[in-house]
Every structure is written in structure tokens, then in C-alpha cells.
Amino acid sequence: MKEKINIRKVKSGDEKILAYIQTESWKNAFNTILSKDDLEKYSNIDKAIEMYSYLLKENIANGYILSLDDNPHCIAYWDKARDEDMEGYAEIICIHSLKNNWGKGYGSIMMEHILKEIKKLGYSKVLLWVFEENKRARKFYEKHKFVLADKSKKFCNAVEVMYCREL
């Protein structure tokens, strides 16, 4: 039987779901990229709940939850680009999913959904940052027509690279 897939905008009360999916995803995706201490710091569930509570209360950015048979599995957030020299770009801030369904196409469904939303709101270009060592994610973004840009920055003990794409 095929799962029922639903994508909806985030709302007040979603902070625990958002924080859980993000922190679990970080623990699985970045355990060989970030140091143990940095991973513990950035996958702290209480700090993540606090962050999402603030984002939801202040209505900051555009967040979505993808559920499979009413069970939240994947989250995504985007907003206007945070880099001052990337004016006119939208930025995918995060797209995270639980490991048990990696590689099954749900991330692609979420990606296509948020790219449509970004375009619908008038953006023609989008960027995102990804850890240089995160080969699985980079392959995913390249599959979705993102192209490596000539920009990088340091985050903790790792390097993030920028990817861009036209819509």
C-alpha cells in the first residue's frame, strides 16, 4: 500500500516536531562531518525547540512539514537570501528528513514543493549552503539542478559550499 503524502505550512505547536526531525537528521547526516562536541551542541533538542518556537511566534521564514500517513517525516525552511551580496535570491535554509526513509524520494517531493512556492512568490533564483563533505546531500541538490557556486564559508570545523539554481 502506498503512503498518503501531505505537505503543509508549519504552524504554532509544530516546534517539537520541527526540532525532533532537525536534530535527528543532524545526528545521522553530520556525525562524520562535525566534531562530537559541535554535533551535540547543534543537535540539542531543547535549543532547537526554543529556536522553532521563536520562528513560529515571530512568523519568520517559510516552513513546511511533509507527513507520511500523518507521521511527520521531512521539514524544510526557506526565506529571502541572508547573504547581503545575494539580493534577489531565495535561500533554502534547511531540508531535513528522518533517516528511515532516506533515498525513497520524499526529499525530492519536498524540494519540488518548496521550489514551486519560491517561484510563486516571485523569485527566479535560489541558493543553499551545504557541507562540502556531505556528498549524499550534494548529489541530491545536483539532481535538482543546483550548481556549485564559487563561495564557501566555515562552520565549526567544517566548510560549507554554496549551490545556486535558476527557477
N, C-alpha and C. Protein backbone atom coordinates (compact mmCIF):
# COMPACT_ATOMS: atom_id res chain seq x y z
N MET A 1 0.84 -1.19 0.00
CA MET A 1 0.00 0.00 0.00
C MET A 1 0.88 1.25 0.00
N LYS A 2 0.53 2.20 -0.81
CA LYS A 2 1.26 3.47 -0.92
C LYS A 2 0.87 4.39 0.24
N GLU A 3 1.90 5.09 0.77
CA GLU A 3 1.62 6.02 1.86
C GLU A 3 0.87 7.24 1.34
N LYS A 4 0.12 7.84 2.24
CA LYS A 4 -0.54 9.11 1.95
C LYS A 4 0.47 10.21 2.29
N ILE A 5 0.81 11.04 1.31
CA ILE A 5 1.79 12.11 1.50
C ILE A 5 1.05 13.44 1.59
N ASN A 6 1.40 14.21 2.62
CA ASN A 6 0.80 15.51 2.81
C ASN A 6 1.89 16.52 3.15
N ILE A 7 1.86 17.68 2.48
CA ILE A 7 2.78 18.77 2.81
C ILE A 7 1.93 19.96 3.22
N ARG A 8 2.29 20.53 4.36
CA ARG A 8 1.56 21.70 4.84
C ARG A 8 2.54 22.71 5.41
N LYS A 9 2.09 23.97 5.48
CA LYS A 9 2.89 25.03 6.12
C LYS A 9 2.95 24.74 7.62
N VAL A 10 4.06 25.13 8.23
CA VAL A 10 4.20 24.96 9.68
C VAL A 10 3.27 25.93 10.39
N LYS A 11 2.92 25.58 11.63
CA LYS A 11 2.05 26.43 12.44
C LYS A 11 2.47 26.32 13.90
N SER A 12 1.98 27.23 14.69
CA SER A 12 2.25 27.21 16.12
C SER A 12 1.87 25.84 16.67
N GLY A 13 2.72 25.29 17.52
CA GLY A 13 2.50 23.94 18.05
C GLY A 13 3.36 22.90 17.36
N ASP A 14 4.01 23.28 16.23
CA ASP A 14 4.87 22.35 15.48
C ASP A 14 6.32 22.33 15.97
N GLU A 15 6.66 23.17 16.95
CA GLU A 15 8.06 23.33 17.32
C GLU A 15 8.73 22.01 17.72
N LYS A 16 8.03 21.14 18.43
CA LYS A 16 8.65 19.87 18.87
C LYS A 16 8.89 18.94 17.69
N ILE A 17 7.96 18.89 16.75
CA ILE A 17 8.12 18.06 15.55
C ILE A 17 9.30 18.57 14.72
N LEU A 18 9.33 19.89 14.50
CA LEU A 18 10.41 20.50 13.72
C LEU A 18 11.76 20.22 14.37
N ALA A 19 11.84 20.44 15.67
CA ALA A 19 13.09 20.24 16.40
C ALA A 19 13.52 18.78 16.37
N TYR A 20 12.58 17.87 16.51
CA TYR A 20 12.91 16.44 16.51
C TYR A 20 13.48 16.02 15.15
N ILE A 21 12.80 16.38 14.07
CA ILE A 21 13.26 15.99 12.74
C ILE A 21 14.62 16.62 12.44
N GLN A 22 14.79 17.90 12.79
CA GLN A 22 16.07 18.54 12.52
C GLN A 22 17.19 17.88 13.31
N THR A 23 17.02 17.70 14.60
CA THR A 23 18.12 17.18 15.42
C THR A 23 18.44 15.73 15.08
N GLU A 24 17.44 14.92 14.80
CA GLU A 24 17.70 13.53 14.40
C GLU A 24 18.42 13.47 13.06
N SER A 25 18.00 14.33 12.15
CA SER A 25 18.65 14.39 10.84
C SER A 25 20.11 14.81 10.99
N TRP A 26 20.36 15.84 11.80
CA TRP A 26 21.74 16.29 12.03
C TRP A 26 22.59 15.16 12.61
N LYS A 27 22.05 14.45 13.59
CA LYS A 27 22.82 13.37 14.24
C LYS A 27 23.23 12.30 13.22
N ASN A 28 22.35 11.99 12.28
CA ASN A 28 22.64 10.96 11.29
C ASN A 28 23.44 11.46 10.10
N ALA A 29 23.17 12.68 9.66
CA ALA A 29 23.80 13.19 8.45
C ALA A 29 25.19 13.79 8.70
N PHE A 30 25.40 14.34 9.88
CA PHE A 30 26.63 15.11 10.12
C PHE A 30 27.57 14.47 11.13
N ASN A 31 27.33 13.23 11.51
CA ASN A 31 28.15 12.59 12.55
C ASN A 31 29.59 12.35 12.13
N THR A 32 29.88 12.37 10.84
CA THR A 32 31.27 12.25 10.38
C THR A 32 31.82 13.58 9.88
N ILE A 33 30.98 14.63 9.91
CA ILE A 33 31.38 15.94 9.39
C ILE A 33 31.72 16.90 10.53
N LEU A 34 30.89 16.93 11.55
CA LEU A 34 31.11 17.81 12.69
C LEU A 34 31.77 17.05 13.84
N SER A 35 32.48 17.78 14.69
CA SER A 35 33.06 17.15 15.88
C SER A 35 31.92 16.69 16.79
N LYS A 36 32.24 15.76 17.66
CA LYS A 36 31.24 15.24 18.61
C LYS A 36 30.64 16.39 19.44
N ASP A 37 31.49 17.30 19.92
CA ASP A 37 31.01 18.42 20.73
C ASP A 37 30.10 19.36 19.94
N ASP A 38 30.50 19.69 18.71
CA ASP A 38 29.67 20.57 17.88
C ASP A 38 28.35 19.90 17.53
N LEU A 39 28.41 18.62 17.22
CA LEU A 39 27.17 17.89 16.88
C LEU A 39 26.23 17.88 18.08
N GLU A 40 26.75 17.64 19.27
CA GLU A 40 25.91 17.67 20.48
C GLU A 40 25.31 19.05 20.68
N LYS A 41 26.11 20.08 20.48
CA LYS A 41 25.65 21.46 20.66
C LYS A 41 24.53 21.81 19.68
N TYR A 42 24.72 21.46 18.41
CA TYR A 42 23.76 21.85 17.38
C TYR A 42 22.61 20.86 17.20
N SER A 43 22.64 19.74 17.90
CA SER A 43 21.50 18.82 17.84
C SER A 43 20.83 18.71 19.21
N ASN A 44 20.98 19.76 20.01
CA ASN A 44 20.32 19.82 21.32
C ASN A 44 18.84 20.09 21.09
N ILE A 45 18.00 19.14 21.47
CA ILE A 45 16.56 19.22 21.21
C ILE A 45 15.92 20.43 21.88
N ASP A 46 16.32 20.74 23.10
CA ASP A 46 15.71 21.87 23.81
C ASP A 46 16.02 23.20 23.13
N LYS A 47 17.26 23.36 22.68
CA LYS A 47 17.64 24.60 21.96
C LYS A 47 16.90 24.68 20.62
N ALA A 48 16.73 23.54 19.97
CA ALA A 48 16.02 23.52 18.69
C ALA A 48 14.53 23.86 18.89
N ILE A 49 13.92 23.34 19.95
CA ILE A 49 12.53 23.67 20.25
C ILE A 49 12.40 25.18 20.50
N GLU A 50 13.33 25.72 21.26
CA GLU A 50 13.34 27.15 21.56
C GLU A 50 13.46 27.97 20.26
N MET A 51 14.35 27.56 19.36
CA MET A 51 14.53 28.26 18.09
C MET A 51 13.25 28.22 17.25
N TYR A 52 12.65 27.03 17.11
CA TYR A 52 11.44 26.92 16.30
C TYR A 52 10.27 27.64 16.95
N SER A 53 10.20 27.66 18.28
CA SER A 53 9.14 28.42 18.96
C SER A 53 9.23 29.89 18.58
N TYR A 54 10.47 30.41 18.58
CA TYR A 54 10.70 31.81 18.22
C TYR A 54 10.32 32.05 16.75
N LEU A 55 10.79 31.20 15.84
CA LEU A 55 10.49 31.37 14.42
C LEU A 55 8.98 31.36 14.17
N LEU A 56 8.28 30.44 14.83
CA LEU A 56 6.83 30.34 14.64
C LEU A 56 6.11 31.54 15.26
N LYS A 57 6.51 31.94 16.46
CA LYS A 57 5.88 33.07 17.15
C LYS A 57 6.06 34.36 16.35
N GLU A 58 7.26 34.56 15.80
CA GLU A 58 7.56 35.78 15.06
C GLU A 58 7.22 35.67 13.57
N ASN A 59 6.74 34.52 13.15
CA ASN A 59 6.38 34.27 11.74
C ASN A 59 7.56 34.55 10.81
N ILE A 60 8.72 33.99 11.18
CA ILE A 60 9.95 34.20 10.40
C ILE A 60 10.13 33.04 9.43
N ALA A 61 10.37 33.36 8.18
CA ALA A 61 10.66 32.39 7.11
C ALA A 61 9.43 31.55 6.76
N ASN A 62 9.62 30.64 5.83
CA ASN A 62 8.54 29.80 5.29
C ASN A 62 8.89 28.35 5.56
N GLY A 63 8.14 27.73 6.46
CA GLY A 63 8.42 26.36 6.83
C GLY A 63 7.33 25.40 6.40
N TYR A 64 7.74 24.15 6.14
CA TYR A 64 6.81 23.12 5.68
C TYR A 64 7.14 21.80 6.37
N ILE A 65 6.12 20.99 6.53
CA ILE A 65 6.27 19.63 7.06
C ILE A 65 5.65 18.67 6.06
N LEU A 66 6.39 17.64 5.70
CA LEU A 66 5.87 16.56 4.87
C LEU A 66 5.59 15.38 5.79
N SER A 67 4.36 14.86 5.73
CA SER A 67 3.98 13.71 6.54
C SER A 67 3.65 12.52 5.64
N LEU A 68 3.97 11.34 6.16
CA LEU A 68 3.62 10.07 5.51
C LEU A 68 2.60 9.40 6.40
N ASP A 69 1.41 9.18 5.86
CA ASP A 69 0.32 8.61 6.66
C ASP A 69 0.17 9.33 8.00
N ASP A 70 0.18 10.65 7.95
CA ASP A 70 0.02 11.53 9.11
C ASP A 70 1.19 11.50 10.09
N ASN A 71 2.32 10.87 9.73
CA ASN A 71 3.52 10.87 10.56
C ASN A 71 4.54 11.82 9.96
N PRO A 72 4.88 12.91 10.66
CA PRO A 72 5.86 13.86 10.13
C PRO A 72 7.19 13.18 9.82
N HIS A 73 7.72 13.46 8.64
CA HIS A 73 8.96 12.82 8.19
C HIS A 73 10.03 13.82 7.73
N CYS A 74 9.61 14.90 7.08
CA CYS A 74 10.56 15.81 6.43
C CYS A 74 10.13 17.24 6.71
N ILE A 75 11.13 18.12 6.92
CA ILE A 75 10.84 19.54 7.11
C ILE A 75 11.70 20.35 6.14
N ALA A 76 11.23 21.54 5.84
CA ALA A 76 12.01 22.46 5.01
C ALA A 76 11.68 23.88 5.42
N TYR A 77 12.68 24.74 5.33
CA TYR A 77 12.53 26.17 5.60
C TYR A 77 13.24 26.94 4.50
N TRP A 78 12.63 28.04 4.07
CA TRP A 78 13.29 28.94 3.12
C TRP A 78 12.87 30.38 3.42
N ASP A 79 13.64 31.32 2.92
CA ASP A 79 13.36 32.74 3.09
C ASP A 79 14.17 33.50 2.04
N LYS A 80 14.10 34.83 2.09
CA LYS A 80 14.98 35.60 1.20
C LYS A 80 16.41 35.34 1.64
N ALA A 81 17.33 35.43 0.71
CA ALA A 81 18.74 35.12 0.99
C ALA A 81 19.27 35.97 2.14
N ARG A 82 20.04 35.33 3.02
CA ARG A 82 20.62 36.03 4.18
C ARG A 82 21.94 36.72 3.81
N ASP A 83 22.60 36.28 2.75
CA ASP A 83 23.86 36.91 2.33
C ASP A 83 23.55 38.23 1.63
N GLU A 84 24.17 39.32 2.12
CA GLU A 84 23.88 40.65 1.57
C GLU A 84 24.17 40.75 0.08
N ASP A 85 25.18 40.04 -0.40
CA ASP A 85 25.54 40.14 -1.82
C ASP A 85 24.72 39.20 -2.71
N MET A 86 23.69 38.58 -2.15
CA MET A 86 22.85 37.67 -2.94
C MET A 86 21.41 38.19 -2.99
N GLU A 87 21.26 39.50 -3.04
CA GLU A 87 19.94 40.11 -3.11
C GLU A 87 19.18 39.59 -4.32
N GLY A 88 17.89 39.37 -4.14
CA GLY A 88 17.05 38.85 -5.21
C GLY A 88 16.97 37.34 -5.23
N TYR A 89 17.78 36.69 -4.41
CA TYR A 89 17.74 35.23 -4.30
C TYR A 89 16.87 34.80 -3.12
N ALA A 90 16.21 33.68 -3.28
CA ALA A 90 15.61 32.99 -2.14
C ALA A 90 16.69 32.04 -1.62
N GLU A 91 16.58 31.65 -0.36
CA GLU A 91 17.55 30.71 0.22
C GLU A 91 16.82 29.56 0.89
N ILE A 92 17.19 28.35 0.49
CA ILE A 92 16.70 27.18 1.21
C ILE A 92 17.59 27.04 2.43
N ILE A 93 17.01 27.27 3.59
CA ILE A 93 17.76 27.28 4.84
C ILE A 93 17.99 25.85 5.33
N CYS A 94 16.97 25.02 5.19
CA CYS A 94 17.15 23.62 5.56
C CYS A 94 16.12 22.75 4.86
N ILE A 95 16.52 21.52 4.66
CA ILE A 95 15.61 20.46 4.25
C ILE A 95 16.15 19.21 4.95
N HIS A 96 15.38 18.71 5.89
CA HIS A 96 15.80 17.58 6.72
C HIS A 96 14.73 16.50 6.71
N SER A 97 15.19 15.26 6.72
CA SER A 97 14.23 14.15 6.84
C SER A 97 14.81 13.08 7.75
N LEU A 98 13.91 12.27 8.26
CA LEU A 98 14.32 11.18 9.15
C LEU A 98 15.00 10.08 8.33
N LYS A 99 16.04 9.51 8.89
CA LYS A 99 16.90 8.57 8.17
C LYS A 99 16.17 7.33 7.66
N ASN A 100 15.15 6.88 8.38
CA ASN A 100 14.48 5.63 7.99
C ASN A 100 13.84 5.68 6.60
N ASN A 101 13.67 6.87 6.05
CA ASN A 101 13.09 6.97 4.70
C ASN A 101 14.00 7.69 3.71
N TRP A 102 15.30 7.81 4.05
CA TRP A 102 16.23 8.41 3.10
C TRP A 102 16.27 7.58 1.82
N GLY A 103 16.39 8.27 0.70
CA GLY A 103 16.54 7.58 -0.58
C GLY A 103 15.25 7.06 -1.18
N LYS A 104 14.11 7.42 -0.60
CA LYS A 104 12.82 6.93 -1.11
C LYS A 104 12.04 7.98 -1.90
N GLY A 105 12.65 9.16 -2.12
CA GLY A 105 12.01 10.17 -2.96
C GLY A 105 11.21 11.23 -2.22
N TYR A 106 11.09 11.12 -0.90
CA TYR A 106 10.29 12.10 -0.16
C TYR A 106 10.97 13.47 -0.10
N GLY A 107 12.29 13.49 -0.01
CA GLY A 107 13.02 14.75 -0.05
C GLY A 107 12.82 15.46 -1.38
N SER A 108 12.77 14.69 -2.46
CA SER A 108 12.54 15.27 -3.79
C SER A 108 11.13 15.86 -3.88
N ILE A 109 10.16 15.19 -3.29
CA ILE A 109 8.79 15.72 -3.29
C ILE A 109 8.76 17.05 -2.54
N MET A 110 9.44 17.10 -1.39
CA MET A 110 9.51 18.35 -0.62
C MET A 110 10.25 19.42 -1.41
N MET A 111 11.37 19.07 -2.02
CA MET A 111 12.15 20.04 -2.78
C MET A 111 11.31 20.65 -3.90
N GLU A 112 10.62 19.82 -4.67
CA GLU A 112 9.79 20.33 -5.76
C GLU A 112 8.69 21.25 -5.22
N HIS A 113 8.13 20.90 -4.08
CA HIS A 113 7.07 21.72 -3.47
C HIS A 113 7.61 23.10 -3.09
N ILE A 114 8.75 23.14 -2.40
CA ILE A 114 9.24 24.45 -1.97
C ILE A 114 9.77 25.27 -3.15
N LEU A 115 10.34 24.64 -4.16
CA LEU A 115 10.77 25.39 -5.34
C LEU A 115 9.58 26.04 -6.04
N LYS A 116 8.43 25.34 -6.09
CA LYS A 116 7.20 25.93 -6.67
C LYS A 116 6.74 27.12 -5.84
N GLU A 117 6.79 26.98 -4.50
CA GLU A 117 6.38 28.07 -3.61
C GLU A 117 7.30 29.28 -3.78
N ILE A 118 8.60 29.03 -3.87
CA ILE A 118 9.57 30.11 -4.04
C ILE A 118 9.29 30.86 -5.34
N LYS A 119 9.06 30.11 -6.41
CA LYS A 119 8.78 30.73 -7.72
C LYS A 119 7.46 31.50 -7.68
N LYS A 120 6.46 30.90 -7.03
CA LYS A 120 5.14 31.53 -6.93
C LYS A 120 5.23 32.89 -6.22
N LEU A 121 6.18 33.02 -5.30
CA LEU A 121 6.33 34.28 -4.57
C LEU A 121 7.30 35.25 -5.27
N GLY A 122 7.62 34.97 -6.54
CA GLY A 122 8.32 35.94 -7.37
C GLY A 122 9.83 35.81 -7.47
N TYR A 123 10.40 34.77 -6.90
CA TYR A 123 11.85 34.59 -7.00
C TYR A 123 12.18 33.79 -8.27
N SER A 124 13.29 34.15 -8.91
CA SER A 124 13.72 33.38 -10.08
C SER A 124 15.05 32.68 -9.84
N LYS A 125 15.66 32.96 -8.66
CA LYS A 125 16.94 32.34 -8.32
C LYS A 125 16.90 31.90 -6.86
N VAL A 126 17.55 30.77 -6.61
CA VAL A 126 17.57 30.23 -5.24
C VAL A 126 18.96 29.71 -4.93
N LEU A 127 19.36 29.85 -3.66
CA LEU A 127 20.65 29.34 -3.22
C LEU A 127 20.47 28.49 -1.98
N LEU A 128 21.50 27.74 -1.66
CA LEU A 128 21.53 26.98 -0.41
C LEU A 128 22.99 26.73 -0.05
N TRP A 129 23.21 26.44 1.23
CA TRP A 129 24.54 26.09 1.73
C TRP A 129 24.51 24.64 2.18
N VAL A 130 25.59 23.92 1.90
CA VAL A 130 25.69 22.51 2.26
C VAL A 130 27.13 22.22 2.67
N PHE A 131 27.29 21.31 3.61
CA PHE A 131 28.65 20.93 3.99
C PHE A 131 29.36 20.32 2.79
N GLU A 132 30.58 20.78 2.55
CA GLU A 132 31.38 20.28 1.43
C GLU A 132 31.52 18.76 1.49
N GLU A 133 31.66 18.21 2.68
CA GLU A 133 31.84 16.77 2.85
C GLU A 133 30.54 15.97 2.76
N ASN A 134 29.39 16.65 2.69
CA ASN A 134 28.10 15.96 2.67
C ASN A 134 27.76 15.52 1.24
N LYS A 135 28.44 14.47 0.81
CA LYS A 135 28.32 14.00 -0.58
C LYS A 135 26.89 13.56 -0.92
N ARG A 136 26.21 12.94 0.01
CA ARG A 136 24.84 12.49 -0.23
C ARG A 136 23.93 13.68 -0.54
N ALA A 137 24.03 14.74 0.29
CA ALA A 137 23.19 15.93 0.07
C ALA A 137 23.59 16.65 -1.22
N ARG A 138 24.88 16.75 -1.47
CA ARG A 138 25.33 17.44 -2.69
C ARG A 138 24.81 16.73 -3.94
N LYS A 139 24.83 15.42 -3.93
CA LYS A 139 24.29 14.65 -5.06
C LYS A 139 22.79 14.93 -5.22
N PHE A 140 22.09 15.01 -4.09
CA PHE A 140 20.66 15.31 -4.10
C PHE A 140 20.41 16.69 -4.72
N TYR A 141 21.17 17.71 -4.30
CA TYR A 141 20.97 19.06 -4.83
C TYR A 141 21.33 19.13 -6.31
N GLU A 142 22.39 18.45 -6.71
CA GLU A 142 22.78 18.44 -8.12
C GLU A 142 21.71 17.77 -8.97
N LYS A 143 21.08 16.74 -8.43
CA LYS A 143 19.97 16.07 -9.12
C LYS A 143 18.81 17.05 -9.36
N HIS A 144 18.69 18.02 -8.45
CA HIS A 144 17.64 19.03 -8.57
C HIS A 144 18.13 20.31 -9.24
N LYS A 145 19.18 20.17 -10.05
CA LYS A 145 19.68 21.24 -10.93
C LYS A 145 20.37 22.39 -10.20
N PHE A 146 20.81 22.16 -8.97
CA PHE A 146 21.61 23.16 -8.28
C PHE A 146 23.05 23.03 -8.78
N VAL A 147 23.72 24.17 -8.93
CA VAL A 147 25.08 24.20 -9.45
C VAL A 147 26.00 24.80 -8.38
N LEU A 148 27.15 24.18 -8.20
CA LEU A 148 28.13 24.67 -7.23
C LEU A 148 28.58 26.07 -7.61
N ALA A 149 28.48 27.00 -6.65
CA ALA A 149 28.93 28.38 -6.86
C ALA A 149 30.36 28.52 -6.33
N ASP A 150 30.94 29.66 -6.55
CA ASP A 150 32.32 29.89 -6.12
C ASP A 150 32.35 30.59 -4.76
N LYS A 151 31.56 30.08 -3.82
CA LYS A 151 31.51 30.67 -2.48
C LYS A 151 31.55 29.55 -1.44
N SER A 152 32.30 29.80 -0.38
CA SER A 152 32.34 28.85 0.72
C SER A 152 32.51 29.63 2.02
N LYS A 153 32.21 28.97 3.13
CA LYS A 153 32.39 29.58 4.45
C LYS A 153 32.62 28.47 5.46
N LYS A 154 33.20 28.85 6.56
CA LYS A 154 33.50 27.88 7.61
C LYS A 154 32.34 27.82 8.60
N PHE A 155 31.99 26.63 9.02
CA PHE A 155 31.02 26.43 10.10
C PHE A 155 31.61 25.38 11.02
N CYS A 156 31.92 25.78 12.24
CA CYS A 156 32.60 24.90 13.20
C CYS A 156 33.90 24.41 12.56
N ASN A 157 34.09 23.11 12.51
CA ASN A 157 35.33 22.57 11.93
C ASN A 157 35.12 22.10 10.49
N ALA A 158 34.05 22.56 9.86
CA ALA A 158 33.72 22.10 8.51
C ALA A 158 33.59 23.30 7.56
N VAL A 159 33.54 23.00 6.28
CA VAL A 159 33.36 24.02 5.24
C VAL A 159 32.01 23.80 4.59
N GLU A 160 31.28 24.91 4.41
CA GLU A 160 30.03 24.88 3.67
C GLU A 160 30.28 25.49 2.30
N VAL A 161 29.65 24.93 1.29
CA VAL A 161 29.72 25.47 -0.06
C VAL A 161 28.32 25.89 -0.50
N MET A 162 28.31 26.90 -1.37
CA MET A 162 27.04 27.42 -1.87
C MET A 162 26.67 26.75 -3.19
N TYR A 163 25.39 26.44 -3.32
CA TYR A 163 24.83 25.98 -4.58
C TYR A 163 23.73 26.96 -4.99
N CYS A 164 23.57 27.19 -6.29
CA CYS A 164 22.55 28.09 -6.80
C CYS A 164 21.80 27.41 -7.95
N ARG A 165 20.64 27.95 -8.22
CA ARG A 165 19.89 27.48 -9.39
C ARG A 165 18.88 28.53 -9.81
N GLU A 166 18.59 28.54 -11.10
CA GLU A 166 17.54 29.41 -11.66
C GLU A 166 16.24 28.63 -11.62
N LEU A 167 15.15 29.38 -11.46
CA LEU A 167 13.82 28.73 -11.46
C LEU A 167 13.09 28.98 -12.77
